[in-house]
Amino acid sequence: MSLHREREHPEYVEGCFGCKISTLQVGTGDANSGKATSTKKFEAELNAYKEARQAGIQPSGSNIKAVREAEKASDLLGRAYQADKMPKAKQINKRVATTMNEVGI
């Protein structure tokens, strides 16, 4: 029972602001969802993925980390990175990129 109803009157009274306010429930909504990706972050990741795809790059996933790794691998290779045909993007360094270009991967 709310403090208002304990002090003023035990039953709900129609038209009483204190009774009305005591029935409200407050929730945190999206602010409490630590697991869910925020809309702003989600949109940023999708935009980064879209830009990479338009450049011919195929990241291993749509999250920002995978997209950035694929972009870096593309820069090292001098051509668009393809996750389905090439080693993992994070494993590609200058030496690996040179070897891949020589072999034709």
PDB file of N, CA and C in Angstrom:
ATOM      1  N   MET A   1       0.850  -1.175   0.000  1.00  0.00           N
ATOM      2  CA  MET A   1       0.000   0.000   0.000  1.00  0.00           C
ATOM      3  C   MET A   1       0.895   1.237   0.000  1.00  0.00           C
ATOM      4  N   SER A   2       0.463   2.229  -0.761  1.00  0.00           N
ATOM      5  CA  SER A   2       1.263   3.443  -0.874  1.00  0.00           C
ATOM      6  C   SER A   2       1.191   4.271   0.404  1.00  0.00           C
ATOM      7  N   LEU A   3       2.190   5.107   0.598  1.00  0.00           N
ATOM      8  CA  LEU A   3       2.252   5.983   1.762  1.00  0.00           C
ATOM      9  C   LEU A   3       1.047   6.918   1.793  1.00  0.00           C
ATOM     10  N   HIS A   4       0.634   7.403   0.644  1.00  0.00           N
ATOM     11  CA  HIS A   4      -0.521   8.299   0.567  1.00  0.00           C
ATOM     12  C   HIS A   4      -1.769   7.619   1.117  1.00  0.00           C
ATOM     13  N   ARG A   5      -1.995   6.390   0.707  1.00  0.00           N
ATOM     14  CA  ARG A   5      -3.217   5.702   1.161  1.00  0.00           C
ATOM     15  C   ARG A   5      -3.118   5.304   2.618  1.00  0.00           C
ATOM     16  N   GLU A   6      -1.919   5.094   3.125  1.00  0.00           N
ATOM     17  CA  GLU A   6      -1.763   4.806   4.551  1.00  0.00           C
ATOM     18  C   GLU A   6      -2.104   6.038   5.383  1.00  0.00           C
ATOM     19  N   ARG A   7      -1.666   7.207   4.940  1.00  0.00           N
ATOM     20  CA  ARG A   7      -1.856   8.438   5.719  1.00  0.00           C
ATOM     21  C   ARG A   7      -3.207   9.105   5.492  1.00  0.00           C
ATOM     22  N   GLU A   8      -3.721   9.084   4.266  1.00  0.00           N
ATOM     23  CA  GLU A   8      -4.929   9.844   3.938  1.00  0.00           C
ATOM     24  C   GLU A   8      -6.192   8.997   4.020  1.00  0.00           C
ATOM     25  N   HIS A   9      -6.274   7.944   3.236  1.00  0.00           N
ATOM     26  CA  HIS A   9      -7.453   7.077   3.221  1.00  0.00           C
ATOM     27  C   HIS A   9      -7.058   5.722   2.649  1.00  0.00           C
ATOM     28  N   PRO A  10      -7.549   4.619   3.235  1.00  0.00           N
ATOM     29  CA  PRO A  10      -7.108   3.277   2.825  1.00  0.00           C
ATOM     30  C   PRO A  10      -7.666   2.807   1.477  1.00  0.00           C
ATOM     31  N   GLU A  11      -8.840   3.298   1.047  1.00  0.00           N
ATOM     32  CA  GLU A  11      -9.422   2.879  -0.222  1.00  0.00           C
ATOM     33  C   GLU A  11      -9.080   3.871  -1.327  1.00  0.00           C
ATOM     34  N   TYR A  12      -9.111   3.371  -2.538  1.00  0.00           N
ATOM     35  CA  TYR A  12      -8.881   4.221  -3.702  1.00  0.00           C
ATOM     36  C   TYR A  12     -10.065   5.172  -3.829  1.00  0.00           C
ATOM     37  N   VAL A  13      -9.785   6.454  -4.003  1.00  0.00           N
ATOM     38  CA  VAL A  13     -10.822   7.461  -4.150  1.00  0.00           C
ATOM     39  C   VAL A  13     -10.718   8.060  -5.551  1.00  0.00           C
ATOM     40  N   GLU A  14     -11.836   7.932  -6.306  1.00  0.00           N
ATOM     41  CA  GLU A  14     -11.872   8.477  -7.661  1.00  0.00           C
ATOM     42  C   GLU A  14     -11.682   9.986  -7.604  1.00  0.00           C
ATOM     43  N   GLY A  15     -10.810  10.517  -8.445  1.00  0.00           N
ATOM     44  CA  GLY A  15     -10.555  11.949  -8.480  1.00  0.00           C
ATOM     45  C   GLY A  15      -9.442  12.405  -7.553  1.00  0.00           C
ATOM     46  N   CYS A  16      -8.930  11.518  -6.702  1.00  0.00           N
ATOM     47  CA  CYS A  16      -7.844  11.878  -5.780  1.00  0.00           C
ATOM     48  C   CYS A  16      -6.520  11.734  -6.536  1.00  0.00           C
ATOM     49  N   PHE A  17      -5.784  12.832  -6.639  1.00  0.00           N
ATOM     50  CA  PHE A  17      -4.520  12.819  -7.368  1.00  0.00           C
ATOM     51  C   PHE A  17      -3.518  11.865  -6.727  1.00  0.00           C
ATOM     52  N   GLY A  18      -3.451  11.836  -5.408  1.00  0.00           N
ATOM     53  CA  GLY A  18      -2.533  10.946  -4.696  1.00  0.00           C
ATOM     54  C   GLY A  18      -2.815   9.486  -4.988  1.00  0.00           C
ATOM     55  N   CYS A  19      -4.115   9.122  -5.058  1.00  0.00           N
ATOM     56  CA  CYS A  19      -4.475   7.742  -5.387  1.00  0.00           C
ATOM     57  C   CYS A  19      -4.107   7.420  -6.839  1.00  0.00           C
ATOM     58  N   LYS A  20      -4.372   8.383  -7.720  1.00  0.00           N
ATOM     59  CA  LYS A  20      -4.077   8.171  -9.128  1.00  0.00           C
ATOM     60  C   LYS A  20      -2.577   7.988  -9.356  1.00  0.00           C
ATOM     61  N   ILE A  21      -1.779   8.843  -8.742  1.00  0.00           N
ATOM     62  CA  ILE A  21      -0.326   8.782  -8.919  1.00  0.00           C
ATOM     63  C   ILE A  21       0.259   7.506  -8.317  1.00  0.00           C
ATOM     64  N   SER A  22      -0.377   6.965  -7.294  1.00  0.00           N
ATOM     65  CA  SER A  22       0.145   5.752  -6.659  1.00  0.00           C
ATOM     66  C   SER A  22      -0.065   4.513  -7.524  1.00  0.00           C
ATOM     67  N   THR A  23      -0.909   4.607  -8.547  1.00  0.00           N
ATOM     68  CA  THR A  23      -1.138   3.453  -9.425  1.00  0.00           C
ATOM     69  C   THR A  23      -0.191   3.436 -10.617  1.00  0.00           C
ATOM     70  N   LEU A  24       0.553   4.516 -10.828  1.00  0.00           N
ATOM     71  CA  LEU A  24       1.474   4.571 -11.966  1.00  0.00           C
ATOM     72  C   LEU A  24       2.677   3.673 -11.738  1.00  0.00           C
ATOM     73  N   GLN A  25       3.138   3.048 -12.815  1.00  0.00           N
ATOM     74  CA  GLN A  25       4.341   2.232 -12.755  1.00  0.00           C
ATOM     75  C   GLN A  25       5.353   2.826 -13.712  1.00  0.00           C
ATOM     76  N   VAL A  26       6.580   2.962 -13.261  1.00  0.00           N
ATOM     77  CA  VAL A  26       7.632   3.564 -14.060  1.00  0.00           C
ATOM     78  C   VAL A  26       8.595   2.464 -14.498  1.00  0.00           C
ATOM     79  N   GLY A  27       8.900   2.453 -15.784  1.00  0.00           N
ATOM     80  CA  GLY A  27       9.842   1.485 -16.325  1.00  0.00           C
ATOM     81  C   GLY A  27      10.983   2.213 -17.019  1.00  0.00           C
ATOM     82  N   THR A  28      12.117   1.557 -17.111  1.00  0.00           N
ATOM     83  CA  THR A  28      13.272   2.181 -17.752  1.00  0.00           C
ATOM     84  C   THR A  28      13.251   2.027 -19.263  1.00  0.00           C
ATOM     85  N   GLY A  29      12.429   1.126 -19.773  1.00  0.00           N
ATOM     86  CA  GLY A  29      12.319   0.956 -21.214  1.00  0.00           C
ATOM     87  C   GLY A  29      13.645   0.575 -21.861  1.00  0.00           C
ATOM     88  N   ASP A  30      13.969   1.195 -22.989  1.00  0.00           N
ATOM     89  CA  ASP A  30      15.190   0.885 -23.743  1.00  0.00           C
ATOM     90  C   ASP A  30      16.458   1.278 -22.997  1.00  0.00           C
ATOM     91  N   ALA A  31      16.346   2.199 -22.057  1.00  0.00           N
ATOM     92  CA  ALA A  31      17.530   2.666 -21.337  1.00  0.00           C
ATOM     93  C   ALA A  31      18.155   1.558 -20.489  1.00  0.00           C
ATOM     94  N   ASN A  32      17.379   0.566 -20.112  1.00  0.00           N
ATOM     95  CA  ASN A  32      17.886  -0.500 -19.251  1.00  0.00           C
ATOM     96  C   ASN A  32      18.368  -1.711 -20.034  1.00  0.00           C
ATOM     97  N   SER A  33      18.218  -1.718 -21.333  1.00  0.00           N
ATOM     98  CA  SER A  33      18.585  -2.898 -22.107  1.00  0.00           C
ATOM     99  C   SER A  33      20.064  -2.847 -22.484  1.00  0.00           C
ATOM    100  N   GLY A  34      20.904  -3.314 -21.595  1.00  0.00           N
ATOM    101  CA  GLY A  34      22.334  -3.331 -21.835  1.00  0.00           C
ATOM    102  C   GLY A  34      22.730  -4.316 -22.920  1.00  0.00           C
ATOM    103  N   LYS A  35      21.901  -5.306 -23.172  1.00  0.00           N
ATOM    104  CA  LYS A  35      22.208  -6.325 -24.162  1.00  0.00           C
ATOM    105  C   LYS A  35      21.917  -5.851 -25.578  1.00  0.00           C
ATOM    106  N   ALA A  36      20.884  -5.084 -25.733  1.00  0.00           N
ATOM    107  CA  ALA A  36      20.459  -4.664 -27.064  1.00  0.00           C
ATOM    108  C   ALA A  36      21.356  -3.538 -27.591  1.00  0.00           C
ATOM    109  N   THR A  37      21.583  -3.556 -28.880  1.00  0.00           N
ATOM    110  CA  THR A  37      22.359  -2.503 -29.527  1.00  0.00           C
ATOM    111  C   THR A  37      21.468  -1.280 -29.671  1.00  0.00           C
ATOM    112  N   SER A  38      21.996  -0.126 -29.352  1.00  0.00           N
ATOM    113  CA  SER A  38      21.203   1.089 -29.494  1.00  0.00           C
ATOM    114  C   SER A  38      20.928   1.341 -30.968  1.00  0.00           C
ATOM    115  N   THR A  39      19.858   2.044 -31.225  1.00  0.00           N
ATOM    116  CA  THR A  39      19.469   2.335 -32.606  1.00  0.00           C
ATOM    117  C   THR A  39      20.564   3.111 -33.322  1.00  0.00           C
ATOM    118  N   LYS A  40      21.169   4.065 -32.631  1.00  0.00           N
ATOM    119  CA  LYS A  40      22.214   4.888 -33.235  1.00  0.00           C
ATOM    120  C   LYS A  40      23.418   4.023 -33.640  1.00  0.00           C
ATOM    121  N   LYS A  41      23.831   3.135 -32.758  1.00  0.00           N
ATOM    122  CA  LYS A  41      24.972   2.253 -33.048  1.00  0.00           C
ATOM    123  C   LYS A  41      24.618   1.281 -34.174  1.00  0.00           C
ATOM    124  N   PHE A  42      23.414   0.753 -34.133  1.00  0.00           N
ATOM    125  CA  PHE A  42      22.955  -0.184 -35.146  1.00  0.00           C
ATOM    126  C   PHE A  42      22.962   0.460 -36.532  1.00  0.00           C
ATOM    127  N   GLU A  43      22.447   1.685 -36.606  1.00  0.00           N
ATOM    128  CA  GLU A  43      22.417   2.415 -37.879  1.00  0.00           C
ATOM    129  C   GLU A  43      23.833   2.707 -38.383  1.00  0.00           C
ATOM    130  N   ALA A  44      24.735   3.067 -37.456  1.00  0.00           N
ATOM    131  CA  ALA A  44      26.122   3.359 -37.838  1.00  0.00           C
ATOM    132  C   ALA A  44      26.797   2.110 -38.400  1.00  0.00           C
ATOM    133  N   GLU A  45      26.559   0.953 -37.774  1.00  0.00           N
ATOM    134  CA  GLU A  45      27.145  -0.293 -38.256  1.00  0.00           C
ATOM    135  C   GLU A  45      26.598  -0.652 -39.640  1.00  0.00           C
ATOM    136  N   LEU A  46      25.306  -0.500 -39.824  1.00  0.00           N
ATOM    137  CA  LEU A  46      24.720  -0.822 -41.122  1.00  0.00           C
ATOM    138  C   LEU A  46      25.224   0.114 -42.219  1.00  0.00           C
ATOM    139  N   ASN A  47      25.384   1.392 -41.886  1.00  0.00           N
ATOM    140  CA  ASN A  47      25.907   2.341 -42.862  1.00  0.00           C
ATOM    141  C   ASN A  47      27.348   2.018 -43.243  1.00  0.00           C
ATOM    142  N   ALA A  48      28.170   1.640 -42.247  1.00  0.00           N
ATOM    143  CA  ALA A  48      29.561   1.271 -42.518  1.00  0.00           C
ATOM    144  C   ALA A  48      29.607   0.021 -43.403  1.00  0.00           C
ATOM    145  N   TYR A  49      28.757  -0.943 -43.120  1.00  0.00           N
ATOM    146  CA  TYR A  49      28.695  -2.174 -43.917  1.00  0.00           C
ATOM    147  C   TYR A  49      28.255  -1.857 -45.346  1.00  0.00           C
ATOM    148  N   LYS A  50      27.251  -1.006 -45.463  1.00  0.00           N
ATOM    149  CA  LYS A  50      26.744  -0.617 -46.787  1.00  0.00           C
ATOM    150  C   LYS A  50      27.835   0.060 -47.619  1.00  0.00           C
ATOM    151  N   GLU A  51      28.580   0.967 -46.999  1.00  0.00           N
ATOM    152  CA  GLU A  51      29.660   1.660 -47.697  1.00  0.00           C
ATOM    153  C   GLU A  51      30.757   0.686 -48.131  1.00  0.00           C
ATOM    154  N   ALA A  52      31.074  -0.277 -47.267  1.00  0.00           N
ATOM    155  CA  ALA A  52      32.088  -1.274 -47.607  1.00  0.00           C
ATOM    156  C   ALA A  52      31.619  -2.117 -48.789  1.00  0.00           C
ATOM    157  N   ARG A  53      30.358  -2.531 -48.781  1.00  0.00           N
ATOM    158  CA  ARG A  53      29.822  -3.332 -49.880  1.00  0.00           C
ATOM    159  C   ARG A  53      29.810  -2.548 -51.184  1.00  0.00           C
ATOM    160  N   GLN A  54      29.513  -1.256 -51.093  1.00  0.00           N
ATOM    161  CA  GLN A  54      29.518  -0.428 -52.301  1.00  0.00           C
ATOM    162  C   GLN A  54      30.926  -0.306 -52.874  1.00  0.00           C
ATOM    163  N   ALA A  55      31.930  -0.410 -52.012  1.00  0.00           N
ATOM    164  CA  ALA A  55      33.323  -0.360 -52.460  1.00  0.00           C
ATOM    165  C   ALA A  55      33.813  -1.729 -52.939  1.00  0.00           C
ATOM    166  N   GLY A  56      32.944  -2.746 -52.894  1.00  0.00           N
ATOM    167  CA  GLY A  56      33.303  -4.083 -53.347  1.00  0.00           C
ATOM    168  C   GLY A  56      33.889  -4.968 -52.265  1.00  0.00           C
ATOM    169  N   ILE A  57      33.954  -4.475 -51.048  1.00  0.00           N
ATOM    170  CA  ILE A  57      34.516  -5.223 -49.917  1.00  0.00           C
ATOM    171  C   ILE A  57      33.441  -6.124 -49.330  1.00  0.00           C
ATOM    172  N   GLN A  58      33.805  -7.378 -49.023  1.00  0.00           N
ATOM    173  CA  GLN A  58      32.879  -8.308 -48.376  1.00  0.00           C
ATOM    174  C   GLN A  58      33.427  -8.660 -46.995  1.00  0.00           C
ATOM    175  N   PRO A  59      32.981  -7.936 -45.953  1.00  0.00           N
ATOM    176  CA  PRO A  59      33.435  -8.253 -44.590  1.00  0.00           C
ATOM    177  C   PRO A  59      32.869  -9.591 -44.118  1.00  0.00           C
ATOM    178  N   SER A  60      33.431 -10.123 -43.053  1.00  0.00           N
ATOM    179  CA  SER A  60      32.946 -11.396 -42.510  1.00  0.00           C
ATOM    180  C   SER A  60      31.662 -11.218 -41.710  1.00  0.00           C
ATOM    181  N   GLY A  61      31.314  -9.981 -41.407  1.00  0.00           N
ATOM    182  CA  GLY A  61      30.079  -9.697 -40.678  1.00  0.00           C
ATOM    183  C   GLY A  61      29.713  -8.236 -40.834  1.00  0.00           C
ATOM    184  N   SER A  62      28.547  -7.868 -40.293  1.00  0.00           N
ATOM    185  CA  SER A  62      28.100  -6.485 -40.441  1.00  0.00           C
ATOM    186  C   SER A  62      28.463  -5.607 -39.239  1.00  0.00           C
ATOM    187  N   ASN A  63      29.097  -6.199 -38.222  1.00  0.00           N
ATOM    188  CA  ASN A  63      29.477  -5.358 -37.079  1.00  0.00           C
ATOM    189  C   ASN A  63      30.668  -4.478 -37.454  1.00  0.00           C
ATOM    190  N   ILE A  64      30.815  -3.404 -36.719  1.00  0.00           N
ATOM    191  CA  ILE A  64      31.802  -2.383 -37.067  1.00  0.00           C
ATOM    192  C   ILE A  64      33.230  -2.929 -37.054  1.00  0.00           C
ATOM    193  N   LYS A  65      33.518  -3.857 -36.145  1.00  0.00           N
ATOM    194  CA  LYS A  65      34.871  -4.428 -36.064  1.00  0.00           C
ATOM    195  C   LYS A  65      35.202  -5.208 -37.336  1.00  0.00           C
ATOM    196  N   ALA A  66      34.283  -6.034 -37.801  1.00  0.00           N
ATOM    197  CA  ALA A  66      34.510  -6.829 -39.006  1.00  0.00           C
ATOM    198  C   ALA A  66      34.660  -5.931 -40.229  1.00  0.00           C
ATOM    199  N   VAL A  67      33.868  -4.873 -40.281  1.00  0.00           N
ATOM    200  CA  VAL A  67      33.945  -3.955 -41.418  1.00  0.00           C
ATOM    201  C   VAL A  67      35.289  -3.235 -41.434  1.00  0.00           C
ATOM    202  N   ARG A  68      35.734  -2.739 -40.278  1.00  0.00           N
ATOM    203  CA  ARG A  68      37.017  -2.017 -40.212  1.00  0.00           C
ATOM    204  C   ARG A  68      38.187  -2.934 -40.538  1.00  0.00           C
ATOM    205  N   GLU A  69      38.143  -4.194 -40.057  1.00  0.00           N
ATOM    206  CA  GLU A  69      39.213  -5.149 -40.376  1.00  0.00           C
ATOM    207  C   GLU A  69      39.260  -5.428 -41.874  1.00  0.00           C
ATOM    208  N   ALA A  70      38.094  -5.555 -42.499  1.00  0.00           N
ATOM    209  CA  ALA A  70      38.035  -5.807 -43.946  1.00  0.00           C
ATOM    210  C   ALA A  70      38.553  -4.603 -44.729  1.00  0.00           C
ATOM    211  N   GLU A  71      38.242  -3.397 -44.259  1.00  0.00           N
ATOM    212  CA  GLU A  71      38.746  -2.189 -44.922  1.00  0.00           C
ATOM    213  C   GLU A  71      40.269  -2.116 -44.831  1.00  0.00           C
ATOM    214  N   LYS A  72      40.802  -2.457 -43.659  1.00  0.00           N
ATOM    215  CA  LYS A  72      42.251  -2.437 -43.468  1.00  0.00           C
ATOM    216  C   LYS A  72      42.916  -3.491 -44.360  1.00  0.00           C
ATOM    217  N   ALA A  73      42.328  -4.674 -44.426  1.00  0.00           N
ATOM    218  CA  ALA A  73      42.867  -5.736 -45.278  1.00  0.00           C
ATOM    219  C   ALA A  73      42.834  -5.311 -46.748  1.00  0.00           C
ATOM    220  N   SER A  74      41.766  -4.629 -47.142  1.00  0.00           N
ATOM    221  CA  SER A  74      41.657  -4.137 -48.519  1.00  0.00           C
ATOM    222  C   SER A  74      42.758  -3.142 -48.834  1.00  0.00           C
ATOM    223  N   ASP A  75      43.047  -2.264 -47.884  1.00  0.00           N
ATOM    224  CA  ASP A  75      44.127  -1.290 -48.075  1.00  0.00           C
ATOM    225  C   ASP A  75      45.475  -1.988 -48.244  1.00  0.00           C
ATOM    226  N   LEU A  76      45.715  -3.007 -47.425  1.00  0.00           N
ATOM    227  CA  LEU A  76      46.978  -3.739 -47.508  1.00  0.00           C
ATOM    228  C   LEU A  76      47.091  -4.528 -48.814  1.00  0.00           C
ATOM    229  N   LEU A  77      45.973  -5.093 -49.255  1.00  0.00           N
ATOM    230  CA  LEU A  77      45.976  -5.899 -50.469  1.00  0.00           C
ATOM    231  C   LEU A  77      45.999  -5.053 -51.738  1.00  0.00           C
ATOM    232  N   GLY A  78      45.479  -3.859 -51.646  1.00  0.00           N
ATOM    233  CA  GLY A  78      45.377  -3.024 -52.831  1.00  0.00           C
ATOM    234  C   GLY A  78      44.170  -3.373 -53.685  1.00  0.00           C
ATOM    235  N   ARG A  79      43.277  -4.162 -53.145  1.00  0.00           N
ATOM    236  CA  ARG A  79      42.039  -4.559 -53.816  1.00  0.00           C
ATOM    237  C   ARG A  79      40.995  -4.914 -52.754  1.00  0.00           C
ATOM    238  N   ALA A  80      39.780  -5.117 -53.190  1.00  0.00           N
ATOM    239  CA  ALA A  80      38.693  -5.383 -52.248  1.00  0.00           C
ATOM    240  C   ALA A  80      38.867  -6.734 -51.561  1.00  0.00           C
ATOM    241  N   TYR A  81      38.704  -6.736 -50.261  1.00  0.00           N
ATOM    242  CA  TYR A  81      38.789  -7.958 -49.455  1.00  0.00           C
ATOM    243  C   TYR A  81      37.497  -8.750 -49.600  1.00  0.00           C
ATOM    244  N   GLN A  82      37.618 -10.085 -49.714  1.00  0.00           N
ATOM    245  CA  GLN A  82      36.472 -10.979 -49.818  1.00  0.00           C
ATOM    246  C   GLN A  82      36.559 -12.036 -48.712  1.00  0.00           C
ATOM    247  N   ALA A  83      35.710 -11.937 -47.717  1.00  0.00           N
ATOM    248  CA  ALA A  83      35.772 -12.833 -46.560  1.00  0.00           C
ATOM    249  C   ALA A  83      35.550 -14.292 -46.931  1.00  0.00           C
ATOM    250  N   ASP A  84      34.741 -14.548 -47.951  1.00  0.00           N
ATOM    251  CA  ASP A  84      34.454 -15.935 -48.317  1.00  0.00           C
ATOM    252  C   ASP A  84      35.579 -16.610 -49.097  1.00  0.00           C
ATOM    253  N   LYS A  85      36.521 -15.829 -49.629  1.00  0.00           N
ATOM    254  CA  LYS A  85      37.590 -16.400 -50.451  1.00  0.00           C
ATOM    255  C   LYS A  85      38.982 -16.198 -49.878  1.00  0.00           C
ATOM    256  N   MET A  86      39.107 -15.397 -48.854  1.00  0.00           N
ATOM    257  CA  MET A  86      40.420 -15.026 -48.327  1.00  0.00           C
ATOM    258  C   MET A  86      40.541 -15.394 -46.845  1.00  0.00           C
ATOM    259  N   PRO A  87      41.783 -15.400 -46.324  1.00  0.00           N
ATOM    260  CA  PRO A  87      41.961 -15.637 -44.885  1.00  0.00           C
ATOM    261  C   PRO A  87      41.267 -14.552 -44.067  1.00  0.00           C
ATOM    262  N   LYS A  88      41.158 -14.775 -42.779  1.00  0.00           N
ATOM    263  CA  LYS A  88      40.522 -13.781 -41.902  1.00  0.00           C
ATOM    264  C   LYS A  88      41.224 -12.440 -42.047  1.00  0.00           C
ATOM    265  N   ALA A  89      40.427 -11.394 -42.067  1.00  0.00           N
ATOM    266  CA  ALA A  89      40.953 -10.048 -42.301  1.00  0.00           C
ATOM    267  C   ALA A  89      41.983  -9.639 -41.257  1.00  0.00           C
ATOM    268  N   LYS A  90      41.760 -10.047 -40.005  1.00  0.00           N
ATOM    269  CA  LYS A  90      42.697  -9.621 -38.949  1.00  0.00           C
ATOM    270  C   LYS A  90      44.056 -10.315 -39.068  1.00  0.00           C
ATOM    271  N   GLN A  91      44.130 -11.386 -39.853  1.00  0.00           N
ATOM    272  CA  GLN A  91      45.397 -12.090 -40.045  1.00  0.00           C
ATOM    273  C   GLN A  91      46.223 -11.508 -41.193  1.00  0.00           C
ATOM    274  N   ILE A  92      45.637 -10.625 -41.955  1.00  0.00           N
ATOM    275  CA  ILE A  92      46.335 -10.072 -43.105  1.00  0.00           C
ATOM    276  C   ILE A  92      47.188  -8.874 -42.688  1.00  0.00           C
ATOM    277  N   ASN A  93      48.491  -9.027 -42.871  1.00  0.00           N
ATOM    278  CA  ASN A  93      49.423  -7.923 -42.640  1.00  0.00           C
ATOM    279  C   ASN A  93      50.154  -7.664 -43.957  1.00  0.00           C
ATOM    280  N   LYS A  94      51.155  -6.818 -43.944  1.00  0.00           N
ATOM    281  CA  LYS A  94      51.859  -6.454 -45.175  1.00  0.00           C
ATOM    282  C   LYS A  94      52.483  -7.672 -45.863  1.00  0.00           C
ATOM    283  N   ARG A  95      53.136  -8.506 -45.066  1.00  0.00           N
ATOM    284  CA  ARG A  95      53.813  -9.691 -45.610  1.00  0.00           C
ATOM    285  C   ARG A  95      52.802 -10.668 -46.205  1.00  0.00           C
ATOM    286  N   VAL A  96      51.721 -10.908 -45.496  1.00  0.00           N
ATOM    287  CA  VAL A  96      50.686 -11.833 -45.972  1.00  0.00           C
ATOM    288  C   VAL A  96      50.042 -11.275 -47.242  1.00  0.00           C
ATOM    289  N   ALA A  97      49.784  -9.953 -47.260  1.00  0.00           N
ATOM    290  CA  ALA A  97      49.172  -9.325 -48.416  1.00  0.00           C
ATOM    291  C   ALA A  97      50.077  -9.466 -49.660  1.00  0.00           C
ATOM    292  N   THR A  98      51.359  -9.273 -49.468  1.00  0.00           N
ATOM    293  CA  THR A  98      52.313  -9.417 -50.579  1.00  0.00           C
ATOM    294  C   THR A  98      52.283 -10.847 -51.118  1.00  0.00           C
ATOM    295  N   THR A  99      52.321 -11.806 -50.214  1.00  0.00           N
ATOM    296  CA  THR A  99      52.290 -13.223 -50.608  1.00  0.00           C
ATOM    297  C   THR A  99      50.985 -13.557 -51.321  1.00  0.00           C
ATOM    298  N   MET A 100      49.872 -13.074 -50.802  1.00  0.00           N
ATOM    299  CA  MET A 100      48.567 -13.346 -51.427  1.00  0.00           C
ATOM    300  C   MET A 100      48.516 -12.773 -52.833  1.00  0.00           C
ATOM    301  N   ASN A 101      49.066 -11.600 -53.010  1.00  0.00           N
ATOM    302  CA  ASN A 101      49.061 -10.973 -54.349  1.00  0.00           C
ATOM    303  C   ASN A 101      49.963 -11.718 -55.315  1.00  0.00           C
ATOM    304  N   GLU A 102      51.095 -12.247 -54.814  1.00  0.00           N
ATOM    305  CA  GLU A 102      52.014 -13.010 -55.664  1.00  0.00           C
ATOM    306  C   GLU A 102      51.376 -14.332 -56.095  1.00  0.00           C
ATOM    307  N   VAL A 103      50.712 -14.983 -55.160  1.00  0.00           N
ATOM    308  CA  VAL A 103      50.105 -16.282 -55.437  1.00  0.00           C
ATOM    309  C   VAL A 103      48.807 -16.115 -56.236  1.00  0.00           C
ATOM    310  N   GLY A 104      48.139 -14.997 -56.063  1.00  0.00           N
ATOM    311  CA  GLY A 104      46.894 -14.750 -56.790  1.00  0.00           C
ATOM    312  C   GLY A 104      45.637 -15.097 -56.020  1.00  0.00           C
ATOM    313  N   ILE A 105      45.750 -15.028 -54.734  1.00  0.00           N
ATOM    314  CA  ILE A 105      44.570 -15.314 -53.883  1.00  0.00           C
ATOM    315  C   ILE A 105      43.775 -14.041 -53.734  1.00  0.00           C
TER     316      ILE A 105
END
